[in-house]
């Protein structure tokens, strides 16, 4: 349970001061709310035999160690995107789609300049936040949408702090390109076939809460997030080595309760994408997330 303070009601009228000592003002109170978040308990293991490394001329376990960090980064991204797909599904099902700007055409014949990414489409998504539209600081787009942004000459590049690379921005917002964002592929090439649809996501600060823990082993006091095991007799005596890593993640969209019940101890990607997994518990303008759906 993640508690938070609700904002002061801006429609609450202030007291009118007077010089009457018998007139006392009645103080107001603020209220609290609760976001229900769910931990994800994850692990992954790889094994290699000594003989395989000897035959290959290099040790595969070293390669696994070097790539394990990137593997977990990709899993983190997949769970974040799946969570946001679930938020989108819940918003359409339960809140009238007030976080979504959908300009996409249904069929290939419906695709026009107005159904593709544009500044007008972007501002439509940003202004689903009303006067809090400036709260969006980054946006994630599919590479197809990013290409159109470049073709429209909408991307500006700023140097990073080291000067080693440039960071793409759109109207001052950091642009993140990720092809794992939601895509509905085209149904075919005919004019009556369904057109492809791409979902872009606008983020503000604090849109996704993150925490990480590590549970100890049953026989250990200290957490064992990474464990190495060696079985000398396996491989008919050739030896096999195992590398196991465990993650306890808390990834949660601000302003939402996790109302779904997982089949296991953690929500799967499919369960994260379900509209029944999420329920908004704050006003729309308090959630720094918007969605834009275009044909490209």
C-alpha atoms as a PDB file:
ATOM      1  CA  UNK A   1       0.000   0.000   0.000  1.00  0.00           C
ATOM      2  CA  UNK A   2       1.457   3.344  -1.103  1.00  0.00           C
ATOM      3  CA  UNK A   3      -0.280   6.282   0.648  1.00  0.00           C
ATOM      4  CA  UNK A   4      -0.368   9.787  -0.817  1.00  0.00           C
ATOM      5  CA  UNK A   5      -1.875  13.167   0.093  1.00  0.00           C
ATOM      6  CA  UNK A   6      -4.688  14.514  -2.044  1.00  0.00           C
ATOM      7  CA  UNK A   7      -4.350  18.081  -3.285  1.00  0.00           C
ATOM      8  CA  UNK A   8      -6.157  20.975  -1.582  1.00  0.00           C
ATOM      9  CA  UNK A   9      -9.493  21.570  -3.293  1.00  0.00           C
ATOM     10  CA  UNK A  10      -8.934  24.704  -5.445  1.00  0.00           C
ATOM     11  CA  UNK A  11     -12.679  25.466  -5.400  1.00  0.00           C
ATOM     12  CA  UNK A  12     -12.633  25.867  -1.608  1.00  0.00           C
ATOM     13  CA  UNK A  13     -13.311  29.567  -0.972  1.00  0.00           C
ATOM     14  CA  UNK A  14     -11.044  31.357   1.532  1.00  0.00           C
ATOM     15  CA  UNK A  15     -12.448  32.938   4.687  1.00  0.00           C
ATOM     16  CA  UNK A  16     -13.362  36.627   4.655  1.00  0.00           C
ATOM     17  CA  UNK A  17     -11.416  38.291   7.455  1.00  0.00           C
ATOM     18  CA  UNK A  18     -13.243  40.450  10.017  1.00  0.00           C
ATOM     19  CA  UNK A  19     -12.554  42.421  13.206  1.00  0.00           C
ATOM     20  CA  UNK A  20     -15.105  40.449  15.234  1.00  0.00           C
ATOM     21  CA  UNK A  21     -13.213  38.599  18.040  1.00  0.00           C
ATOM     22  CA  UNK A  22     -16.127  36.231  18.554  1.00  0.00           C
ATOM     23  CA  UNK A  23     -16.029  34.954  14.961  1.00  0.00           C
ATOM     24  CA  UNK A  24     -13.665  31.997  14.599  1.00  0.00           C
ATOM     25  CA  UNK A  25     -12.655  30.357  11.356  1.00  0.00           C
ATOM     26  CA  UNK A  26     -13.190  26.635  10.950  1.00  0.00           C
ATOM     27  CA  UNK A  27      -9.994  24.933   9.758  1.00  0.00           C
ATOM     28  CA  UNK A  28     -10.205  22.485   6.901  1.00  0.00           C
ATOM     29  CA  UNK A  29      -8.398  19.198   6.469  1.00  0.00           C
ATOM     30  CA  UNK A  30      -6.710  17.453   3.634  1.00  0.00           C
ATOM     31  CA  UNK A  31      -7.377  13.821   2.841  1.00  0.00           C
ATOM     32  CA  UNK A  32      -5.140  10.916   1.964  1.00  0.00           C
ATOM     33  CA  UNK A  33      -5.489   8.195  -0.617  1.00  0.00           C
ATOM     34  CA  UNK A  34      -3.838   4.856  -1.218  1.00  0.00           C
ATOM     35  CA  UNK A  35      -2.299   3.328  -4.293  1.00  0.00           C
ATOM     36  CA  UNK A  36      -2.103  -0.453  -4.211  1.00  0.00           C
ATOM     37  CA  UNK A  37       1.048  -1.681  -5.929  1.00  0.00           C
ATOM     38  CA  UNK A  38       2.207  -5.249  -6.476  1.00  0.00           C
ATOM     39  CA  UNK A  39       5.745  -6.568  -6.355  1.00  0.00           C
ATOM     40  CA  UNK A  40       7.165  -8.668  -9.174  1.00  0.00           C
ATOM     41  CA  UNK A  41       9.364 -11.546  -8.046  1.00  0.00           C
ATOM     42  CA  UNK A  42      11.498 -12.602 -10.988  1.00  0.00           C
ATOM     43  CA  UNK A  43      14.477 -14.833 -11.646  1.00  0.00           C
ATOM     44  CA  UNK A  44      16.448 -16.214 -14.555  1.00  0.00           C
ATOM     45  CA  UNK A  45      19.125 -18.896 -14.768  1.00  0.00           C
ATOM     46  CA  UNK A  46      21.644 -20.026 -17.381  1.00  0.00           C
ATOM     47  CA  UNK A  47      23.950 -23.016 -17.445  1.00  0.00           C
ATOM     48  CA  UNK A  48      27.093 -23.862 -19.379  1.00  0.00           C
ATOM     49  CA  UNK A  49      29.236 -26.966 -19.529  1.00  0.00           C
ATOM     50  CA  UNK A  50      33.000 -26.783 -19.285  1.00  0.00           C
ATOM     51  CA  UNK A  51      33.354 -28.934 -22.387  1.00  0.00           C
ATOM     52  CA  UNK A  52      31.222 -26.556 -24.474  1.00  0.00           C
ATOM     53  CA  UNK A  53      33.556 -23.701 -23.600  1.00  0.00           C
ATOM     54  CA  UNK A  54      36.623 -25.775 -24.384  1.00  0.00           C
ATOM     55  CA  UNK A  55      35.253 -26.802 -27.784  1.00  0.00           C
ATOM     56  CA  UNK A  56      34.159 -23.237 -28.625  1.00  0.00           C
ATOM     57  CA  UNK A  57      37.484 -21.733 -27.629  1.00  0.00           C
ATOM     58  CA  UNK A  58      35.920 -19.242 -25.208  1.00  0.00           C
ATOM     59  CA  UNK A  59      33.853 -19.449 -22.054  1.00  0.00           C
ATOM     60  CA  UNK A  60      30.110 -18.943 -22.692  1.00  0.00           C
ATOM     61  CA  UNK A  61      29.506 -18.057 -19.038  1.00  0.00           C
ATOM     62  CA  UNK A  62      31.617 -14.936 -19.428  1.00  0.00           C
ATOM     63  CA  UNK A  63      29.411 -13.847 -22.317  1.00  0.00           C
ATOM     64  CA  UNK A  64      26.307 -14.530 -20.210  1.00  0.00           C
ATOM     65  CA  UNK A  65      27.689 -12.451 -17.345  1.00  0.00           C
ATOM     66  CA  UNK A  66      28.411  -9.548 -19.712  1.00  0.00           C
ATOM     67  CA  UNK A  67      24.890  -9.610 -21.189  1.00  0.00           C
ATOM     68  CA  UNK A  68      22.807 -10.302 -18.089  1.00  0.00           C
ATOM     69  CA  UNK A  69      22.494  -6.614 -17.202  1.00  0.00           C
ATOM     70  CA  UNK A  70      21.132  -5.764 -20.647  1.00  0.00           C
ATOM     71  CA  UNK A  71      18.726  -8.704 -20.415  1.00  0.00           C
ATOM     72  CA  UNK A  72      17.222  -7.309 -17.209  1.00  0.00           C
ATOM     73  CA  UNK A  73      17.043  -3.800 -18.695  1.00  0.00           C
ATOM     74  CA  UNK A  74      14.946  -5.195 -21.545  1.00  0.00           C
ATOM     75  CA  UNK A  75      12.705  -7.043 -19.092  1.00  0.00           C
ATOM     76  CA  UNK A  76      12.241  -3.808 -17.141  1.00  0.00           C
ATOM     77  CA  UNK A  77      11.219  -2.019 -20.350  1.00  0.00           C
ATOM     78  CA  UNK A  78       8.801  -4.811 -21.297  1.00  0.00           C
ATOM     79  CA  UNK A  79       7.070  -4.672 -17.924  1.00  0.00           C
ATOM     80  CA  UNK A  80       6.814  -0.880 -17.983  1.00  0.00           C
ATOM     81  CA  UNK A  81       5.275  -0.914 -21.478  1.00  0.00           C
ATOM     82  CA  UNK A  82       2.908  -3.758 -20.563  1.00  0.00           C
ATOM     83  CA  UNK A  83       1.820  -1.785 -17.485  1.00  0.00           C
ATOM     84  CA  UNK A  84       1.115   1.282 -19.607  1.00  0.00           C
ATOM     85  CA  UNK A  85      -0.862  -0.842 -22.068  1.00  0.00           C
ATOM     86  CA  UNK A  86      -2.993  -1.920 -19.120  1.00  0.00           C
ATOM     87  CA  UNK A  87      -3.434   1.704 -18.019  1.00  0.00           C
ATOM     88  CA  UNK A  88      -4.511   2.598 -21.562  1.00  0.00           C
ATOM     89  CA  UNK A  89      -6.982  -0.299 -21.672  1.00  0.00           C
ATOM     90  CA  UNK A  90      -8.455   0.685 -18.293  1.00  0.00           C
ATOM     91  CA  UNK A  91      -8.710   4.330 -19.322  1.00  0.00           C
ATOM     92  CA  UNK A  92     -10.696   3.459 -22.436  1.00  0.00           C
ATOM     93  CA  UNK A  93     -12.890   0.958 -20.581  1.00  0.00           C
ATOM     94  CA  UNK A  94     -13.521   2.897 -17.370  1.00  0.00           C
ATOM     95  CA  UNK A  95     -12.746   6.607 -17.836  1.00  0.00           C
ATOM     96  CA  UNK A  96     -14.005   7.383 -21.337  1.00  0.00           C
ATOM     97  CA  UNK A  97     -10.510   7.544 -22.829  1.00  0.00           C
ATOM     98  CA  UNK A  98      -9.776  10.936 -21.266  1.00  0.00           C
ATOM     99  CA  UNK A  99      -6.014  10.231 -21.409  1.00  0.00           C
ATOM    100  CA  UNK A 100      -6.052   9.287 -25.112  1.00  0.00           C
ATOM    101  CA  UNK A 101      -5.887  11.243 -28.366  1.00  0.00           C
ATOM    102  CA  UNK A 102      -6.767   8.799 -31.166  1.00  0.00           C
ATOM    103  CA  UNK A 103      -6.491  10.303 -34.664  1.00  0.00           C
ATOM    104  CA  UNK A 104      -5.830   7.020 -36.504  1.00  0.00           C
ATOM    105  CA  UNK A 105      -7.972   5.949 -39.440  1.00  0.00           C
ATOM    106  CA  UNK A 106      -9.587   2.520 -39.383  1.00  0.00           C
ATOM    107  CA  UNK A 107      -8.692   1.372 -42.915  1.00  0.00           C
ATOM    108  CA  UNK A 108      -5.946   2.135 -45.418  1.00  0.00           C
ATOM    109  CA  UNK A 109      -8.384   4.349 -47.324  1.00  0.00           C
ATOM    110  CA  UNK A 110      -8.864   6.445 -44.164  1.00  0.00           C
ATOM    111  CA  UNK A 111      -5.160   7.259 -43.775  1.00  0.00           C
ATOM    112  CA  UNK A 112      -4.450  10.929 -44.464  1.00  0.00           C
ATOM    113  CA  UNK A 113      -2.002  13.535 -43.223  1.00  0.00           C
ATOM    114  CA  UNK A 114      -4.393  14.192 -40.341  1.00  0.00           C
ATOM    115  CA  UNK A 115      -4.194  10.562 -39.117  1.00  0.00           C
ATOM    116  CA  UNK A 116      -0.377  10.564 -38.993  1.00  0.00           C
ATOM    117  CA  UNK A 117       1.872  12.015 -36.314  1.00  0.00           C
ATOM    118  CA  UNK A 118       1.919  15.791 -36.340  1.00  0.00           C
ATOM    119  CA  UNK A 119       2.297  18.684 -33.949  1.00  0.00           C
ATOM    120  CA  UNK A 120      -1.471  19.014 -33.873  1.00  0.00           C
ATOM    121  CA  UNK A 121      -1.876  15.362 -32.919  1.00  0.00           C
ATOM    122  CA  UNK A 122       0.802  15.737 -30.244  1.00  0.00           C
ATOM    123  CA  UNK A 123      -0.809  18.794 -28.685  1.00  0.00           C
ATOM    124  CA  UNK A 124      -4.148  16.965 -28.689  1.00  0.00           C
ATOM    125  CA  UNK A 125      -2.563  14.247 -26.533  1.00  0.00           C
ATOM    126  CA  UNK A 126      -0.691  16.698 -24.310  1.00  0.00           C
ATOM    127  CA  UNK A 127      -3.810  18.762 -23.649  1.00  0.00           C
ATOM    128  CA  UNK A 128      -5.726  15.779 -22.325  1.00  0.00           C
ATOM    129  CA  UNK A 129      -3.937  16.990 -19.181  1.00  0.00           C
ATOM    130  CA  UNK A 130      -5.649  20.372 -19.492  1.00  0.00           C
ATOM    131  CA  UNK A 131      -3.641  23.176 -17.892  1.00  0.00           C
ATOM    132  CA  UNK A 132      -1.152  20.574 -16.601  1.00  0.00           C
ATOM    133  CA  UNK A 133       0.024  19.848 -20.163  1.00  0.00           C
ATOM    134  CA  UNK A 134       3.504  21.219 -19.471  1.00  0.00           C
ATOM    135  CA  UNK A 135       4.016  18.375 -17.005  1.00  0.00           C
ATOM    136  CA  UNK A 136       5.021  16.012 -19.805  1.00  0.00           C
ATOM    137  CA  UNK A 137       8.803  15.881 -20.114  1.00  0.00           C
ATOM    138  CA  UNK A 138       9.418  12.858 -22.377  1.00  0.00           C
ATOM    139  CA  UNK A 139       7.683  10.738 -24.972  1.00  0.00           C
ATOM    140  CA  UNK A 140       8.215   7.205 -26.244  1.00  0.00           C
ATOM    141  CA  UNK A 141       7.548   6.467 -29.912  1.00  0.00           C
ATOM    142  CA  UNK A 142       7.909   3.593 -32.372  1.00  0.00           C
ATOM    143  CA  UNK A 143      10.707   3.969 -34.951  1.00  0.00           C
ATOM    144  CA  UNK A 144       8.078   4.389 -37.715  1.00  0.00           C
ATOM    145  CA  UNK A 145       6.673   7.409 -35.870  1.00  0.00           C
ATOM    146  CA  UNK A 146      10.185   8.688 -35.132  1.00  0.00           C
ATOM    147  CA  UNK A 147      11.032   8.576 -38.857  1.00  0.00           C
ATOM    148  CA  UNK A 148       7.994  10.745 -39.571  1.00  0.00           C
ATOM    149  CA  UNK A 149       9.090  13.180 -36.877  1.00  0.00           C
ATOM    150  CA  UNK A 150      12.475  13.428 -38.571  1.00  0.00           C
ATOM    151  CA  UNK A 151      10.881  13.781 -42.030  1.00  0.00           C
ATOM    152  CA  UNK A 152       8.735  16.603 -40.617  1.00  0.00           C
ATOM    153  CA  UNK A 153      11.936  18.259 -39.350  1.00  0.00           C
ATOM    154  CA  UNK A 154      10.471  18.265 -35.848  1.00  0.00           C
ATOM    155  CA  UNK A 155      13.418  16.744 -33.983  1.00  0.00           C
ATOM    156  CA  UNK A 156      15.994  18.908 -32.265  1.00  0.00           C
ATOM    157  CA  UNK A 157      19.180  17.453 -30.816  1.00  0.00           C
ATOM    158  CA  UNK A 158      20.916  18.569 -27.655  1.00  0.00           C
ATOM    159  CA  UNK A 159      24.314  17.354 -26.402  1.00  0.00           C
ATOM    160  CA  UNK A 160      24.491  15.231 -23.286  1.00  0.00           C
ATOM    161  CA  UNK A 161      26.584  16.235 -20.294  1.00  0.00           C
ATOM    162  CA  UNK A 162      29.638  14.410 -21.671  1.00  0.00           C
ATOM    163  CA  UNK A 163      29.302  15.742 -25.201  1.00  0.00           C
ATOM    164  CA  UNK A 164      29.690  12.187 -26.499  1.00  0.00           C
ATOM    165  CA  UNK A 165      26.238  11.893 -28.076  1.00  0.00           C
ATOM    166  CA  UNK A 166      23.150  13.923 -28.849  1.00  0.00           C
ATOM    167  CA  UNK A 167      19.706  13.524 -27.309  1.00  0.00           C
ATOM    168  CA  UNK A 168      16.642  13.843 -29.577  1.00  0.00           C
ATOM    169  CA  UNK A 169      13.896  16.175 -28.347  1.00  0.00           C
ATOM    170  CA  UNK A 170      10.482  17.256 -29.614  1.00  0.00           C
ATOM    171  CA  UNK A 171       9.139  20.601 -28.382  1.00  0.00           C
ATOM    172  CA  UNK A 172      11.560  20.352 -25.477  1.00  0.00           C
ATOM    173  CA  UNK A 173      10.602  16.791 -24.561  1.00  0.00           C
ATOM    174  CA  UNK A 174      13.052  13.911 -24.567  1.00  0.00           C
ATOM    175  CA  UNK A 175      12.220  11.370 -27.300  1.00  0.00           C
ATOM    176  CA  UNK A 176      12.683   7.651 -26.569  1.00  0.00           C
ATOM    177  CA  UNK A 177      12.509   5.265 -29.540  1.00  0.00           C
ATOM    178  CA  UNK A 178      11.310   1.744 -28.725  1.00  0.00           C
ATOM    179  CA  UNK A 179       9.839  -0.734 -31.218  1.00  0.00           C
ATOM    180  CA  UNK A 180       8.252  -2.754 -28.424  1.00  0.00           C
ATOM    181  CA  UNK A 181       5.573  -0.075 -28.000  1.00  0.00           C
ATOM    182  CA  UNK A 182       2.026  -1.195 -28.883  1.00  0.00           C
ATOM    183  CA  UNK A 183       1.495  -1.651 -32.636  1.00  0.00           C
ATOM    184  CA  UNK A 184      -1.541  -2.935 -34.510  1.00  0.00           C
ATOM    185  CA  UNK A 185      -0.146  -4.251 -37.823  1.00  0.00           C
ATOM    186  CA  UNK A 186      -1.854  -3.569 -41.119  1.00  0.00           C
ATOM    187  CA  UNK A 187      -4.479  -6.082 -42.169  1.00  0.00           C
ATOM    188  CA  UNK A 188      -3.297  -6.003 -45.784  1.00  0.00           C
ATOM    189  CA  UNK A 189      -2.579  -3.712 -48.735  1.00  0.00           C
ATOM    190  CA  UNK A 190      -6.162  -3.202 -49.937  1.00  0.00           C
ATOM    191  CA  UNK A 191      -7.903   0.074 -49.247  1.00  0.00           C
ATOM    192  CA  UNK A 192     -10.546  -1.749 -47.208  1.00  0.00           C
ATOM    193  CA  UNK A 193      -7.984  -3.535 -45.034  1.00  0.00           C
ATOM    194  CA  UNK A 194      -7.312  -2.289 -41.518  1.00  0.00           C
ATOM    195  CA  UNK A 195      -4.576   0.326 -41.289  1.00  0.00           C
ATOM    196  CA  UNK A 196      -1.572   0.006 -38.978  1.00  0.00           C
ATOM    197  CA  UNK A 197      -1.807   1.868 -35.686  1.00  0.00           C
ATOM    198  CA  UNK A 198       1.043   3.067 -33.479  1.00  0.00           C
ATOM    199  CA  UNK A 199       0.710   4.104 -29.833  1.00  0.00           C
ATOM    200  CA  UNK A 200       3.016   6.843 -28.551  1.00  0.00           C
ATOM    201  CA  UNK A 201       3.206   7.634 -24.837  1.00  0.00           C
ATOM    202  CA  UNK A 202       3.852  10.990 -23.160  1.00  0.00           C
ATOM    203  CA  UNK A 203       5.386  10.930 -19.693  1.00  0.00           C
ATOM    204  CA  UNK A 204       5.799  13.405 -16.886  1.00  0.00           C
ATOM    205  CA  UNK A 205       8.070  13.243 -13.863  1.00  0.00           C
ATOM    206  CA  UNK A 206       7.040  10.517 -11.435  1.00  0.00           C
ATOM    207  CA  UNK A 207       4.819   8.754 -13.985  1.00  0.00           C
ATOM    208  CA  UNK A 208       6.268   5.357 -13.034  1.00  0.00           C
ATOM    209  CA  UNK A 209       7.318   4.600  -9.475  1.00  0.00           C
ATOM    210  CA  UNK A 210      10.232   2.197  -9.032  1.00  0.00           C
ATOM    211  CA  UNK A 211      11.604   0.258  -6.134  1.00  0.00           C
ATOM    212  CA  UNK A 212      13.850  -2.773  -5.864  1.00  0.00           C
ATOM    213  CA  UNK A 213      14.310  -5.278  -3.079  1.00  0.00           C
ATOM    214  CA  UNK A 214      15.879  -8.674  -2.611  1.00  0.00           C
ATOM    215  CA  UNK A 215      14.580 -11.483  -0.428  1.00  0.00           C
ATOM    216  CA  UNK A 216      17.150 -13.612   1.459  1.00  0.00           C
ATOM    217  CA  UNK A 217      17.522 -17.314   0.880  1.00  0.00           C
ATOM    218  CA  UNK A 218      15.886 -19.590   3.425  1.00  0.00           C
ATOM    219  CA  UNK A 219      19.283 -20.553   4.861  1.00  0.00           C
ATOM    220  CA  UNK A 220      20.975 -17.163   4.545  1.00  0.00           C
ATOM    221  CA  UNK A 221      20.684 -13.844   6.345  1.00  0.00           C
ATOM    222  CA  UNK A 222      22.010 -11.744   3.469  1.00  0.00           C
ATOM    223  CA  UNK A 223      20.073 -11.349   0.198  1.00  0.00           C
ATOM    224  CA  UNK A 224      21.245 -13.553  -2.678  1.00  0.00           C
ATOM    225  CA  UNK A 225      20.284 -11.608  -5.793  1.00  0.00           C
ATOM    226  CA  UNK A 226      23.055 -13.386  -7.733  1.00  0.00           C
ATOM    227  CA  UNK A 227      24.091 -16.960  -7.136  1.00  0.00           C
ATOM    228  CA  UNK A 228      26.620 -19.238  -8.806  1.00  0.00           C
ATOM    229  CA  UNK A 229      26.375 -22.996  -8.559  1.00  0.00           C
ATOM    230  CA  UNK A 230      28.765 -25.625  -9.849  1.00  0.00           C
ATOM    231  CA  UNK A 231      28.014 -29.312 -10.357  1.00  0.00           C
ATOM    232  CA  UNK A 232      31.291 -31.114 -10.923  1.00  0.00           C
ATOM    233  CA  UNK A 233      29.740 -34.533 -11.723  1.00  0.00           C
ATOM    234  CA  UNK A 234      27.302 -33.296 -14.353  1.00  0.00           C
ATOM    235  CA  UNK A 235      28.278 -33.627 -17.998  1.00  0.00           C
ATOM    236  CA  UNK A 236      29.502 -37.108 -17.075  1.00  0.00           C
ATOM    237  CA  UNK A 237      32.179 -35.506 -14.916  1.00  0.00           C
ATOM    238  CA  UNK A 238      32.960 -32.676 -17.332  1.00  0.00           C
ATOM    239  CA  UNK A 239      31.380 -30.104 -15.025  1.00  0.00           C
ATOM    240  CA  UNK A 240      28.464 -27.703 -15.401  1.00  0.00           C
ATOM    241  CA  UNK A 241      28.181 -24.182 -14.013  1.00  0.00           C
ATOM    242  CA  UNK A 242      24.946 -22.315 -13.265  1.00  0.00           C
ATOM    243  CA  UNK A 243      24.333 -18.574 -12.902  1.00  0.00           C
ATOM    244  CA  UNK A 244      21.064 -17.462 -11.275  1.00  0.00           C
ATOM    245  CA  UNK A 245      19.898 -13.879 -10.808  1.00  0.00           C
ATOM    246  CA  UNK A 246      16.802 -12.781  -8.899  1.00  0.00           C
ATOM    247  CA  UNK A 247      14.930  -9.491  -9.015  1.00  0.00           C
ATOM    248  CA  UNK A 248      12.221  -8.077  -6.763  1.00  0.00           C
ATOM    249  CA  UNK A 249      10.782  -5.093  -8.592  1.00  0.00           C
ATOM    250  CA  UNK A 250       8.068  -2.600  -7.825  1.00  0.00           C
ATOM    251  CA  UNK A 251       7.005  -0.833 -11.030  1.00  0.00           C
ATOM    252  CA  UNK A 252       3.840   1.192 -10.576  1.00  0.00           C
ATOM    253  CA  UNK A 253       2.005   3.929 -12.513  1.00  0.00           C
ATOM    254  CA  UNK A 254       1.255   6.934 -10.322  1.00  0.00           C
ATOM    255  CA  UNK A 255      -2.385   7.451  -9.431  1.00  0.00           C
ATOM    256  CA  UNK A 256      -3.476   3.843  -9.934  1.00  0.00           C
ATOM    257  CA  UNK A 257      -4.425   0.870  -7.813  1.00  0.00           C
ATOM    258  CA  UNK A 258      -3.462  -2.635  -8.865  1.00  0.00           C
ATOM    259  CA  UNK A 259      -6.823  -4.382  -8.693  1.00  0.00           C
ATOM    260  CA  UNK A 260      -5.899  -7.555 -10.575  1.00  0.00           C
ATOM    261  CA  UNK A 261      -5.152 -10.898  -8.941  1.00  0.00           C
ATOM    262  CA  UNK A 262      -2.259 -12.736 -10.588  1.00  0.00           C
ATOM    263  CA  UNK A 263      -2.429 -16.432 -11.306  1.00  0.00           C
ATOM    264  CA  UNK A 264       1.021 -16.774  -9.704  1.00  0.00           C
ATOM    265  CA  UNK A 265       2.758 -14.593  -7.111  1.00  0.00           C
ATOM    266  CA  UNK A 266       3.577 -11.921  -9.705  1.00  0.00           C
ATOM    267  CA  UNK A 267       1.660 -10.359 -12.566  1.00  0.00           C
ATOM    268  CA  UNK A 268       2.609 -11.722 -15.985  1.00  0.00           C
ATOM    269  CA  UNK A 269       2.983  -9.453 -19.014  1.00  0.00           C
ATOM    270  CA  UNK A 270      -0.457 -10.538 -20.217  1.00  0.00           C
ATOM    271  CA  UNK A 271      -1.982  -9.729 -16.826  1.00  0.00           C
ATOM    272  CA  UNK A 272      -0.248  -6.325 -16.738  1.00  0.00           C
ATOM    273  CA  UNK A 273      -1.893  -5.451 -20.080  1.00  0.00           C
ATOM    274  CA  UNK A 274      -5.436  -6.246 -18.874  1.00  0.00           C
ATOM    275  CA  UNK A 275      -7.796  -3.344 -18.152  1.00  0.00           C
ATOM    276  CA  UNK A 276      -9.090  -5.209 -15.077  1.00  0.00           C
ATOM    277  CA  UNK A 277      -5.634  -5.020 -13.472  1.00  0.00           C
ATOM    278  CA  UNK A 278      -5.716  -1.229 -12.987  1.00  0.00           C
ATOM    279  CA  UNK A 279      -8.048   1.398 -11.554  1.00  0.00           C
ATOM    280  CA  UNK A 280      -7.371   5.153 -11.394  1.00  0.00           C
ATOM    281  CA  UNK A 281      -7.728   6.682  -7.914  1.00  0.00           C
ATOM    282  CA  UNK A 282      -6.788  10.333  -8.581  1.00  0.00           C
ATOM    283  CA  UNK A 283      -8.174  13.023 -10.909  1.00  0.00           C
ATOM    284  CA  UNK A 284      -7.068  12.781 -14.535  1.00  0.00           C
ATOM    285  CA  UNK A 285      -4.815  15.880 -14.369  1.00  0.00           C
ATOM    286  CA  UNK A 286      -2.843  14.322 -11.523  1.00  0.00           C
ATOM    287  CA  UNK A 287      -1.653  11.430 -13.719  1.00  0.00           C
ATOM    288  CA  UNK A 288       1.316  12.620 -15.845  1.00  0.00           C
ATOM    289  CA  UNK A 289       0.656  10.166 -18.691  1.00  0.00           C
ATOM    290  CA  UNK A 290      -1.002  10.645 -22.093  1.00  0.00           C
ATOM    291  CA  UNK A 291      -1.429   8.382 -25.119  1.00  0.00           C
ATOM    292  CA  UNK A 292      -1.409   9.268 -28.830  1.00  0.00           C
ATOM    293  CA  UNK A 293      -2.614   6.753 -31.450  1.00  0.00           C
ATOM    294  CA  UNK A 294      -1.742   7.420 -35.104  1.00  0.00           C
ATOM    295  CA  UNK A 295      -1.320   5.519 -38.363  1.00  0.00           C
ATOM    296  CA  UNK A 296       2.385   6.307 -38.433  1.00  0.00           C
END
